[in-house]
PDB file of N, CA and C in Angstrom:
ATOM      1  N   UNK A   1      91.871  90.506 103.953  1.00  0.00           N
ATOM      2  CA  UNK A   1      93.666  90.895 104.631  1.00  0.00           C
ATOM      3  C   UNK A   1      93.614  91.526 105.579  1.00  0.00           C
ATOM      4  N   UNK A   2      92.758  92.128 105.422  1.00  0.00           N
ATOM      5  CA  UNK A   2      93.237  93.024 107.119  1.00  0.00           C
ATOM      6  C   UNK A   2      93.238  91.710 108.345  1.00  0.00           C
ATOM      7  N   UNK A   3      91.937  91.151 108.374  1.00  0.00           N
ATOM      8  CA  UNK A   3      91.943  90.065 109.604  1.00  0.00           C
ATOM      9  C   UNK A   3      93.529  89.463 109.845  1.00  0.00           C
ATOM     10  N   UNK A   4      93.922  89.627 108.830  1.00  0.00           N
ATOM     11  CA  UNK A   4      95.591  88.494 108.771  1.00  0.00           C
ATOM     12  C   UNK A   4      96.447  89.798 108.736  1.00  0.00           C
ATOM     13  N   UNK A   5      96.929  90.502 108.878  1.00  0.00           N
ATOM     14  CA  UNK A   5      97.481  91.799 109.394  1.00  0.00           C
ATOM     15  C   UNK A   5      98.025  92.710 108.266  1.00  0.00           C
ATOM     16  N   UNK A   6      96.745  92.696 106.954  1.00  0.00           N
ATOM     17  CA  UNK A   6      97.986  93.218 105.745  1.00  0.00           C
ATOM     18  C   UNK A   6      97.098  94.220 105.355  1.00  0.00           C
ATOM     19  N   UNK A   7      97.562  95.033 105.295  1.00  0.00           N
ATOM     20  CA  UNK A   7      96.532  96.366 104.591  1.00  0.00           C
ATOM     21  C   UNK A   7      96.851  96.288 103.160  1.00  0.00           C
ATOM     22  N   UNK A   8      95.635  96.627 102.470  1.00  0.00           N
ATOM     23  CA  UNK A   8      95.661  96.180 101.505  1.00  0.00           C
ATOM     24  C   UNK A   8      94.511  97.506 100.812  1.00  0.00           C
ATOM     25  N   UNK A   9      95.076  97.268  99.498  1.00  0.00           N
ATOM     26  CA  UNK A   9      94.130  98.845  98.658  1.00  0.00           C
ATOM     27  C   UNK A   9      93.876  98.444  96.905  1.00  0.00           C
ATOM     28  N   UNK A  10      92.672  98.722  97.310  1.00  0.00           N
ATOM     29  CA  UNK A  10      92.466  98.111  95.442  1.00  0.00           C
ATOM     30  C   UNK A  10      92.854  99.500  94.640  1.00  0.00           C
ATOM     31  N   UNK A  11      92.476  99.065  93.386  1.00  0.00           N
ATOM     32  CA  UNK A  11      92.391 100.148  92.294  1.00  0.00           C
ATOM     33  C   UNK A  11      91.372  99.860  91.040  1.00  0.00           C
ATOM     34  N   UNK A  12      90.695  99.913  90.544  1.00  0.00           N
ATOM     35  CA  UNK A  12      90.129 100.380  89.344  1.00  0.00           C
ATOM     36  C   UNK A  12      90.789  99.732  88.631  1.00  0.00           C
ATOM     37  N   UNK A  13      91.843  99.423  88.282  1.00  0.00           N
ATOM     38  CA  UNK A  13      92.642  99.091  86.739  1.00  0.00           C
ATOM     39  C   UNK A  13      94.329  99.342  87.185  1.00  0.00           C
ATOM     40  N   UNK A  14      95.051  98.585  86.312  1.00  0.00           N
ATOM     41  CA  UNK A  14      96.290  98.484  86.402  1.00  0.00           C
ATOM     42  C   UNK A  14      97.282  99.875  86.341  1.00  0.00           C
ATOM     43  N   UNK A  15      96.458 100.675  85.252  1.00  0.00           N
ATOM     44  CA  UNK A  15      96.473 101.990  85.026  1.00  0.00           C
ATOM     45  C   UNK A  15      96.712 102.814  86.292  1.00  0.00           C
ATOM     46  N   UNK A  16      95.345 102.741  86.861  1.00  0.00           N
ATOM     47  CA  UNK A  16      96.001 103.479  87.807  1.00  0.00           C
ATOM     48  C   UNK A  16      96.930 102.655  89.193  1.00  0.00           C
ATOM     49  N   UNK A  17      96.775 102.129  89.170  1.00  0.00           N
ATOM     50  CA  UNK A  17      97.917 101.536  89.749  1.00  0.00           C
ATOM     51  C   UNK A  17      99.149 102.591  90.059  1.00  0.00           C
ATOM     52  N   UNK A  18      99.969 102.005  88.319  1.00  0.00           N
ATOM     53  CA  UNK A  18     100.809 102.698  88.082  1.00  0.00           C
ATOM     54  C   UNK A  18     100.886 103.920  88.343  1.00  0.00           C
ATOM     55  N   UNK A  19      99.702 104.489  87.836  1.00  0.00           N
ATOM     56  CA  UNK A  19      99.842 106.176  88.518  1.00  0.00           C
ATOM     57  C   UNK A  19      99.530 106.593  89.641  1.00  0.00           C
ATOM     58  N   UNK A  20      99.212 105.661  90.408  1.00  0.00           N
ATOM     59  CA  UNK A  20      98.938 106.024  92.448  1.00  0.00           C
ATOM     60  C   UNK A  20     100.502 106.209  93.030  1.00  0.00           C
ATOM     61  N   UNK A  21     100.045 107.305  94.260  1.00  0.00           N
ATOM     62  CA  UNK A  21     101.382 107.759  94.972  1.00  0.00           C
ATOM     63  C   UNK A  21     101.441 106.264  95.536  1.00  0.00           C
ATOM     64  N   UNK A  22     100.709 105.190  95.952  1.00  0.00           N
ATOM     65  CA  UNK A  22     101.239 104.283  96.753  1.00  0.00           C
ATOM     66  C   UNK A  22     101.681 103.160  95.961  1.00  0.00           C
ATOM     67  N   UNK A  23     102.159 103.301  94.907  1.00  0.00           N
ATOM     68  CA  UNK A  23     103.409 101.735  94.269  1.00  0.00           C
ATOM     69  C   UNK A  23     104.605 101.697  94.320  1.00  0.00           C
ATOM     70  N   UNK A  24     105.193 103.059  95.321  1.00  0.00           N
ATOM     71  CA  UNK A  24     106.518 103.045  95.567  1.00  0.00           C
ATOM     72  C   UNK A  24     106.565 102.295  96.991  1.00  0.00           C
ATOM     73  N   UNK A  25     105.382 102.219  97.695  1.00  0.00           N
ATOM     74  CA  UNK A  25     105.531 101.362  99.160  1.00  0.00           C
ATOM     75  C   UNK A  25     104.772 100.355  99.525  1.00  0.00           C
ATOM     76  N   UNK A  26     104.343  99.902  98.172  1.00  0.00           N
ATOM     77  CA  UNK A  26     103.754  98.788  97.571  1.00  0.00           C
ATOM     78  C   UNK A  26     104.385  97.359  97.916  1.00  0.00           C
ATOM     79  N   UNK A  27     103.775  96.245  98.539  1.00  0.00           N
ATOM     80  CA  UNK A  27     105.292  95.228  98.857  1.00  0.00           C
ATOM     81  C   UNK A  27     104.820  93.986  98.694  1.00  0.00           C
ATOM     82  N   UNK A  28     103.727  93.983  97.689  1.00  0.00           N
ATOM     83  CA  UNK A  28     103.111  93.092  97.122  1.00  0.00           C
ATOM     84  C   UNK A  28     102.163  93.352  96.030  1.00  0.00           C
ATOM     85  N   UNK A  29     101.805  92.791  94.987  1.00  0.00           N
ATOM     86  CA  UNK A  29     100.806  93.027  94.282  1.00  0.00           C
ATOM     87  C   UNK A  29      99.680  91.357  93.857  1.00  0.00           C
ATOM     88  N   UNK A  30      98.704  91.829  93.880  1.00  0.00           N
ATOM     89  CA  UNK A  30      97.863  90.579  93.637  1.00  0.00           C
ATOM     90  C   UNK A  30      97.017  91.571  92.200  1.00  0.00           C
ATOM     91  N   UNK A  31      97.151  90.542  91.258  1.00  0.00           N
ATOM     92  CA  UNK A  31      96.252  91.245  90.372  1.00  0.00           C
ATOM     93  C   UNK A  31      95.948  89.934  88.949  1.00  0.00           C
ATOM     94  N   UNK A  32      94.321  90.153  88.678  1.00  0.00           N
ATOM     95  CA  UNK A  32      94.145  89.313  88.148  1.00  0.00           C
ATOM     96  C   UNK A  32      94.692  89.089  86.408  1.00  0.00           C
ATOM     97  N   UNK A  33      94.830  88.622  85.526  1.00  0.00           N
ATOM     98  CA  UNK A  33      95.474  88.044  84.350  1.00  0.00           C
ATOM     99  C   UNK A  33      94.284  88.987  83.443  1.00  0.00           C
ATOM    100  N   UNK A  34      93.244  88.813  83.748  1.00  0.00           N
ATOM    101  CA  UNK A  34      91.956  89.546  82.443  1.00  0.00           C
ATOM    102  C   UNK A  34      91.452  90.644  83.176  1.00  0.00           C
ATOM    103  N   UNK A  35      92.075  92.041  83.071  1.00  0.00           N
ATOM    104  CA  UNK A  35      91.433  93.600  83.610  1.00  0.00           C
ATOM    105  C   UNK A  35      90.829  94.589  82.376  1.00  0.00           C
ATOM    106  N   UNK A  36      89.867  95.449  82.584  1.00  0.00           N
ATOM    107  CA  UNK A  36      89.701  96.486  81.774  1.00  0.00           C
ATOM    108  C   UNK A  36      91.366  97.226  81.409  1.00  0.00           C
ATOM    109  N   UNK A  37      91.354  97.260  80.120  1.00  0.00           N
ATOM    110  CA  UNK A  37      92.637  97.985  80.048  1.00  0.00           C
ATOM    111  C   UNK A  37      93.686  97.092  79.745  1.00  0.00           C
ATOM    112  N   UNK A  38      94.760  97.410  80.634  1.00  0.00           N
ATOM    113  CA  UNK A  38      96.261  96.359  81.032  1.00  0.00           C
ATOM    114  C   UNK A  38      95.401  95.385  81.477  1.00  0.00           C
ATOM    115  N   UNK A  39      96.332  94.609  80.944  1.00  0.00           N
ATOM    116  CA  UNK A  39      96.239  92.949  81.509  1.00  0.00           C
ATOM    117  C   UNK A  39      97.173  92.897  82.576  1.00  0.00           C
ATOM    118  N   UNK A  40      96.909  91.855  83.473  1.00  0.00           N
ATOM    119  CA  UNK A  40      98.078  91.791  84.439  1.00  0.00           C
ATOM    120  C   UNK A  40      99.521  91.295  84.043  1.00  0.00           C
ATOM    121  N   UNK A  41      99.465  90.582  83.582  1.00  0.00           N
ATOM    122  CA  UNK A  41     100.093  89.938  82.600  1.00  0.00           C
ATOM    123  C   UNK A  41     101.288  91.718  81.983  1.00  0.00           C
ATOM    124  N   UNK A  42     100.874  92.360  81.573  1.00  0.00           N
ATOM    125  CA  UNK A  42     100.592  93.918  81.188  1.00  0.00           C
ATOM    126  C   UNK A  42     101.758  94.644  82.250  1.00  0.00           C
ATOM    127  N   UNK A  43     101.204  94.928  83.456  1.00  0.00           N
ATOM    128  CA  UNK A  43     101.091  95.168  84.247  1.00  0.00           C
ATOM    129  C   UNK A  43     102.487  95.001  85.067  1.00  0.00           C
ATOM    130  N   UNK A  44     102.630  93.138  85.424  1.00  0.00           N
ATOM    131  CA  UNK A  44     103.762  92.892  85.633  1.00  0.00           C
ATOM    132  C   UNK A  44     105.548  93.179  84.437  1.00  0.00           C
ATOM    133  N   UNK A  45     104.574  93.258  83.821  1.00  0.00           N
ATOM    134  CA  UNK A  45     105.747  93.931  82.365  1.00  0.00           C
ATOM    135  C   UNK A  45     106.396  94.901  82.459  1.00  0.00           C
ATOM    136  N   UNK A  46     105.405  95.831  83.144  1.00  0.00           N
ATOM    137  CA  UNK A  46     105.383  97.786  82.892  1.00  0.00           C
ATOM    138  C   UNK A  46     106.497  97.740  84.331  1.00  0.00           C
ATOM    139  N   UNK A  47     106.017  97.058  85.504  1.00  0.00           N
ATOM    140  CA  UNK A  47     106.822  97.426  86.391  1.00  0.00           C
ATOM    141  C   UNK A  47     108.195  96.743  86.206  1.00  0.00           C
ATOM    142  N   UNK A  48     108.845  95.903  85.651  1.00  0.00           N
ATOM    143  CA  UNK A  48     109.930  94.906  85.523  1.00  0.00           C
ATOM    144  C   UNK A  48     110.843  95.619  84.001  1.00  0.00           C
ATOM    145  N   UNK A  49     109.486  97.014  83.603  1.00  0.00           N
ATOM    146  CA  UNK A  49     110.668  97.689  82.753  1.00  0.00           C
ATOM    147  C   UNK A  49     111.055  98.810  83.256  1.00  0.00           C
ATOM    148  N   UNK A  50     110.019  98.863  84.731  1.00  0.00           N
ATOM    149  CA  UNK A  50     110.802 100.324  85.578  1.00  0.00           C
ATOM    150  C   UNK A  50     111.471 100.227  86.498  1.00  0.00           C
ATOM    151  N   UNK A  51     112.142  98.024  86.385  1.00  0.00           N
ATOM    152  CA  UNK A  51     112.721  97.975  87.581  1.00  0.00           C
ATOM    153  C   UNK A  51     112.370  98.030  89.210  1.00  0.00           C
ATOM    154  N   UNK A  52     110.962  97.544  89.315  1.00  0.00           N
ATOM    155  CA  UNK A  52     110.458  97.835  89.590  1.00  0.00           C
ATOM    156  C   UNK A  52     110.134  96.156  89.864  1.00  0.00           C
ATOM    157  N   UNK A  53     110.831  95.441  90.899  1.00  0.00           N
ATOM    158  CA  UNK A  53     110.969  94.184  91.481  1.00  0.00           C
ATOM    159  C   UNK A  53     109.716  93.545  92.572  1.00  0.00           C
ATOM    160  N   UNK A  54     108.983  94.499  93.145  1.00  0.00           N
ATOM    161  CA  UNK A  54     107.478  93.748  93.945  1.00  0.00           C
ATOM    162  C   UNK A  54     107.275  92.495  93.409  1.00  0.00           C
ATOM    163  N   UNK A  55     107.577  91.685  94.293  1.00  0.00           N
ATOM    164  CA  UNK A  55     106.691  90.731  94.244  1.00  0.00           C
ATOM    165  C   UNK A  55     104.934  90.915  93.808  1.00  0.00           C
ATOM    166  N   UNK A  56     104.819  89.390  92.775  1.00  0.00           N
ATOM    167  CA  UNK A  56     103.193  89.644  92.133  1.00  0.00           C
ATOM    168  C   UNK A  56     102.728  88.743  91.776  1.00  0.00           C
ATOM    169  N   UNK A  57     101.293  88.806  92.191  1.00  0.00           N
ATOM    170  CA  UNK A  57     100.999  87.428  92.124  1.00  0.00           C
ATOM    171  C   UNK A  57      99.544  87.499  90.974  1.00  0.00           C
ATOM    172  N   UNK A  58      99.595  86.711  90.133  1.00  0.00           N
ATOM    173  CA  UNK A  58      98.996  86.818  89.460  1.00  0.00           C
ATOM    174  C   UNK A  58      97.378  85.506  89.443  1.00  0.00           C
ATOM    175  N   UNK A  59      96.068  86.042  88.981  1.00  0.00           N
ATOM    176  CA  UNK A  59      95.632  85.269  88.946  1.00  0.00           C
ATOM    177  C   UNK A  59      94.539  85.283  88.244  1.00  0.00           C
ATOM    178  N   UNK A  60      94.086  83.627  87.703  1.00  0.00           N
ATOM    179  CA  UNK A  60      93.242  83.887  86.513  1.00  0.00           C
ATOM    180  C   UNK A  60      92.288  82.765  86.816  1.00  0.00           C
ATOM    181  N   UNK A  61      90.660  82.863  85.958  1.00  0.00           N
ATOM    182  CA  UNK A  61      90.376  81.957  85.368  1.00  0.00           C
ATOM    183  C   UNK A  61      90.573  80.740  84.626  1.00  0.00           C
ATOM    184  N   UNK A  62      91.102  81.681  83.799  1.00  0.00           N
ATOM    185  CA  UNK A  62      91.732  80.875  81.735  1.00  0.00           C
ATOM    186  C   UNK A  62      92.341  79.715  82.470  1.00  0.00           C
ATOM    187  N   UNK A  63      92.417  78.694  81.348  1.00  0.00           N
ATOM    188  CA  UNK A  63      92.936  77.337  81.394  1.00  0.00           C
ATOM    189  C   UNK A  63      93.978  77.412  80.563  1.00  0.00           C
ATOM    190  N   UNK A  64      94.250  78.473  79.690  1.00  0.00           N
ATOM    191  CA  UNK A  64      95.456  78.103  78.716  1.00  0.00           C
ATOM    192  C   UNK A  64      96.693  77.716  79.421  1.00  0.00           C
ATOM    193  N   UNK A  65      97.173  76.545  78.728  1.00  0.00           N
ATOM    194  CA  UNK A  65      98.450  75.563  79.458  1.00  0.00           C
ATOM    195  C   UNK A  65      99.486  76.817  79.139  1.00  0.00           C
ATOM    196  N   UNK A  66      99.380  77.405  78.687  1.00  0.00           N
ATOM    197  CA  UNK A  66     100.842  78.412  78.322  1.00  0.00           C
ATOM    198  C   UNK A  66     100.882  79.363  78.898  1.00  0.00           C
ATOM    199  N   UNK A  67      99.521  80.225  79.633  1.00  0.00           N
ATOM    200  CA  UNK A  67      99.799  80.991  80.142  1.00  0.00           C
ATOM    201  C   UNK A  67     100.706  80.862  81.581  1.00  0.00           C
ATOM    202  N   UNK A  68     101.139  79.744  82.520  1.00  0.00           N
ATOM    203  CA  UNK A  68     101.795  79.596  83.423  1.00  0.00           C
ATOM    204  C   UNK A  68     103.019  80.039  83.267  1.00  0.00           C
ATOM    205  N   UNK A  69     103.547  79.177  81.740  1.00  0.00           N
ATOM    206  CA  UNK A  69     104.971  79.591  81.118  1.00  0.00           C
ATOM    207  C   UNK A  69     105.245  81.296  80.726  1.00  0.00           C
ATOM    208  N   UNK A  70     104.169  82.432  80.655  1.00  0.00           N
ATOM    209  CA  UNK A  70     103.790  83.365  80.336  1.00  0.00           C
ATOM    210  C   UNK A  70     103.987  84.063  81.896  1.00  0.00           C
ATOM    211  N   UNK A  71     103.014  83.555  82.869  1.00  0.00           N
ATOM    212  CA  UNK A  71     103.617  84.418  84.078  1.00  0.00           C
ATOM    213  C   UNK A  71     105.005  84.335  84.408  1.00  0.00           C
ATOM    214  N   UNK A  72     105.545  83.179  84.229  1.00  0.00           N
ATOM    215  CA  UNK A  72     107.131  83.102  84.760  1.00  0.00           C
ATOM    216  C   UNK A  72     107.550  83.692  84.337  1.00  0.00           C
ATOM    217  N   UNK A  73     107.721  83.898  82.822  1.00  0.00           N
ATOM    218  CA  UNK A  73     108.593  84.749  81.604  1.00  0.00           C
ATOM    219  C   UNK A  73     108.263  86.277  82.291  1.00  0.00           C
ATOM    220  N   UNK A  74     107.317  86.992  82.864  1.00  0.00           N
ATOM    221  CA  UNK A  74     107.416  88.037  82.866  1.00  0.00           C
ATOM    222  C   UNK A  74     107.506  88.430  84.417  1.00  0.00           C
ATOM    223  N   UNK A  75     107.985  87.374  85.465  1.00  0.00           N
ATOM    224  CA  UNK A  75     108.066  87.424  86.261  1.00  0.00           C
ATOM    225  C   UNK A  75     106.918  87.888  87.405  1.00  0.00           C
ATOM    226  N   UNK A  76     106.364  86.720  87.207  1.00  0.00           N
ATOM    227  CA  UNK A  76     105.002  86.586  88.212  1.00  0.00           C
ATOM    228  C   UNK A  76     105.460  85.959  89.458  1.00  0.00           C
ATOM    229  N   UNK A  77     105.416  85.897  91.188  1.00  0.00           N
ATOM    230  CA  UNK A  77     106.084  85.038  91.377  1.00  0.00           C
ATOM    231  C   UNK A  77     105.347  83.855  92.072  1.00  0.00           C
ATOM    232  N   UNK A  78     104.026  84.547  92.148  1.00  0.00           N
ATOM    233  CA  UNK A  78     103.270  82.980  92.449  1.00  0.00           C
ATOM    234  C   UNK A  78     101.595  83.327  91.056  1.00  0.00           C
ATOM    235  N   UNK A  79     101.221  81.807  90.520  1.00  0.00           N
ATOM    236  CA  UNK A  79     100.388  82.226  89.439  1.00  0.00           C
ATOM    237  C   UNK A  79      98.979  81.589  90.359  1.00  0.00           C
ATOM    238  N   UNK A  80      98.125  81.311  90.167  1.00  0.00           N
ATOM    239  CA  UNK A  80      96.664  80.985  91.306  1.00  0.00           C
ATOM    240  C   UNK A  80      95.845  80.519  90.231  1.00  0.00           C
ATOM    241  N   UNK A  81      95.041  79.727  89.893  1.00  0.00           N
ATOM    242  CA  UNK A  81      93.691  79.596  89.318  1.00  0.00           C
ATOM    243  C   UNK A  81      92.647  79.772  90.154  1.00  0.00           C
ATOM    244  N   UNK A  82      91.957  80.131  89.029  1.00  0.00           N
ATOM    245  CA  UNK A  82      90.492  80.471  90.167  1.00  0.00           C
ATOM    246  C   UNK A  82      89.554  79.357  89.854  1.00  0.00           C
ATOM    247  N   UNK A  83      89.323  78.649  90.425  1.00  0.00           N
ATOM    248  CA  UNK A  83      88.682  78.573  92.093  1.00  0.00           C
ATOM    249  C   UNK A  83      90.107  78.433  93.040  1.00  0.00           C
ATOM    250  N   UNK A  84      90.514  79.252  94.183  1.00  0.00           N
ATOM    251  CA  UNK A  84      91.442  79.096  95.225  1.00  0.00           C
ATOM    252  C   UNK A  84      90.831  79.683  96.607  1.00  0.00           C
ATOM    253  N   UNK A  85      91.140  78.404  97.230  1.00  0.00           N
ATOM    254  CA  UNK A  85      90.786  79.172  98.777  1.00  0.00           C
ATOM    255  C   UNK A  85      92.098  79.919  98.676  1.00  0.00           C
ATOM    256  N   UNK A  86      90.706  80.755 100.106  1.00  0.00           N
ATOM    257  CA  UNK A  86      92.004  82.342 100.443  1.00  0.00           C
ATOM    258  C   UNK A  86      93.103  81.694 101.163  1.00  0.00           C
ATOM    259  N   UNK A  87      93.268  80.449 101.765  1.00  0.00           N
ATOM    260  CA  UNK A  87      94.816  80.721 102.125  1.00  0.00           C
ATOM    261  C   UNK A  87      95.198  80.352 101.176  1.00  0.00           C
ATOM    262  N   UNK A  88      95.122  79.663 100.053  1.00  0.00           N
ATOM    263  CA  UNK A  88      96.493  79.504  99.353  1.00  0.00           C
ATOM    264  C   UNK A  88      97.172  80.952  99.044  1.00  0.00           C
ATOM    265  N   UNK A  89      95.850  81.977  98.932  1.00  0.00           N
ATOM    266  CA  UNK A  89      96.360  83.431  98.334  1.00  0.00           C
ATOM    267  C   UNK A  89      96.970  83.769  99.274  1.00  0.00           C
ATOM    268  N   UNK A  90      96.933  83.755 100.534  1.00  0.00           N
ATOM    269  CA  UNK A  90      97.426  84.214 101.503  1.00  0.00           C
ATOM    270  C   UNK A  90      98.996  83.408 102.271  1.00  0.00           C
ATOM    271  N   UNK A  91      98.760  82.391 101.673  1.00  0.00           N
ATOM    272  CA  UNK A  91      99.970  81.893 101.797  1.00  0.00           C
ATOM    273  C   UNK A  91     101.070  82.453 100.703  1.00  0.00           C
ATOM    274  N   UNK A  92     100.717  82.664  99.509  1.00  0.00           N
ATOM    275  CA  UNK A  92     101.358  83.158  98.518  1.00  0.00           C
ATOM    276  C   UNK A  92     101.935  84.473  98.697  1.00  0.00           C
ATOM    277  N   UNK A  93     101.364  85.120  99.223  1.00  0.00           N
ATOM    278  CA  UNK A  93     101.711  86.684  99.945  1.00  0.00           C
ATOM    279  C   UNK A  93     102.076  86.516 100.822  1.00  0.00           C
ATOM    280  N   UNK A  94     102.336  85.589 101.634  1.00  0.00           N
ATOM    281  CA  UNK A  94     103.314  85.625 103.340  1.00  0.00           C
ATOM    282  C   UNK A  94     104.340  84.960 102.993  1.00  0.00           C
ATOM    283  N   UNK A  95     104.918  84.014 101.481  1.00  0.00           N
ATOM    284  CA  UNK A  95     105.998  84.155 100.808  1.00  0.00           C
ATOM    285  C   UNK A  95     106.748  84.774 100.091  1.00  0.00           C
ATOM    286  N   UNK A  96     105.698  85.832  99.333  1.00  0.00           N
ATOM    287  CA  UNK A  96     106.262  86.582  98.562  1.00  0.00           C
ATOM    288  C   UNK A  96     106.787  87.838  99.834  1.00  0.00           C
ATOM    289  N   UNK A  97     106.470  87.842 100.864  1.00  0.00           N
ATOM    290  CA  UNK A  97     106.719  89.164 101.608  1.00  0.00           C
ATOM    291  C   UNK A  97     108.034  88.679 102.757  1.00  0.00           C
ATOM    292  N   UNK A  98     107.978  87.067 102.321  1.00  0.00           N
ATOM    293  CA  UNK A  98     109.288  86.802 104.119  1.00  0.00           C
ATOM    294  C   UNK A  98     110.225  86.104 102.839  1.00  0.00           C
ATOM    295  N   UNK A  99     110.461  85.979 101.571  1.00  0.00           N
ATOM    296  CA  UNK A  99     111.606  84.923 101.041  1.00  0.00           C
ATOM    297  C   UNK A  99     112.889  86.128 100.653  1.00  0.00           C
ATOM    298  N   UNK A 100     113.127  87.435 100.934  1.00  0.00           N
ATOM    299  CA  UNK A 100     113.907  88.072 100.869  1.00  0.00           C
ATOM    300  C   UNK A 100     114.208  88.664  99.254  1.00  0.00           C
ATOM    301  N   UNK A 101     113.356  88.241  98.292  1.00  0.00           N
ATOM    302  CA  UNK A 101     113.728  88.266  97.171  1.00  0.00           C
ATOM    303  C   UNK A 101     113.388  90.357  97.030  1.00  0.00           C
ATOM    304  N   UNK A 102     112.678  90.212  97.851  1.00  0.00           N
ATOM    305  CA  UNK A 102     112.346  91.879  97.751  1.00  0.00           C
ATOM    306  C   UNK A 102     112.658  93.168  98.555  1.00  0.00           C
ATOM    307  N   UNK A 103     113.905  94.005  98.194  1.00  0.00           N
ATOM    308  CA  UNK A 103     114.258  94.219  99.199  1.00  0.00           C
ATOM    309  C   UNK A 103     113.337  95.619  99.176  1.00  0.00           C
ATOM    310  N   UNK A 104     112.674  95.283 101.017  1.00  0.00           N
ATOM    311  CA  UNK A 104     111.922  96.998 101.096  1.00  0.00           C
ATOM    312  C   UNK A 104     112.415  98.152 101.553  1.00  0.00           C
TER     313      UNK A 104
END
C-alpha cells in the first residue's frame, strides 16, 4: 500500500478497528469476510448503522454464491474473491476513493 502512496493500518479485529481513534479519518476499509470475532459483513453493517458510509472492500476465499448478494446488501463497495491480483485490490481502492460517493 505504501509503495502505491496509500497509508495503511492493520487491526487485529473488527472490534479493535471500531474502537480505534482512526475510524473517523479512515478513507476506505478492506476487510475479510471471515475473521475471529466480528465478521467483515458485520463490520460493514455496524458502520452503516452508525451512519458511516466509508467505502468498504470485502475479500474472501469462500465460494458461497449468495455471498455476493449479501456483500451488496450490507453496503460493500467491492467484493474480491481470493486469490486475486494486487492490481485488482489497488483498482478497487482507487475507485472507492475517487468516485465521490464518500464525502471526505
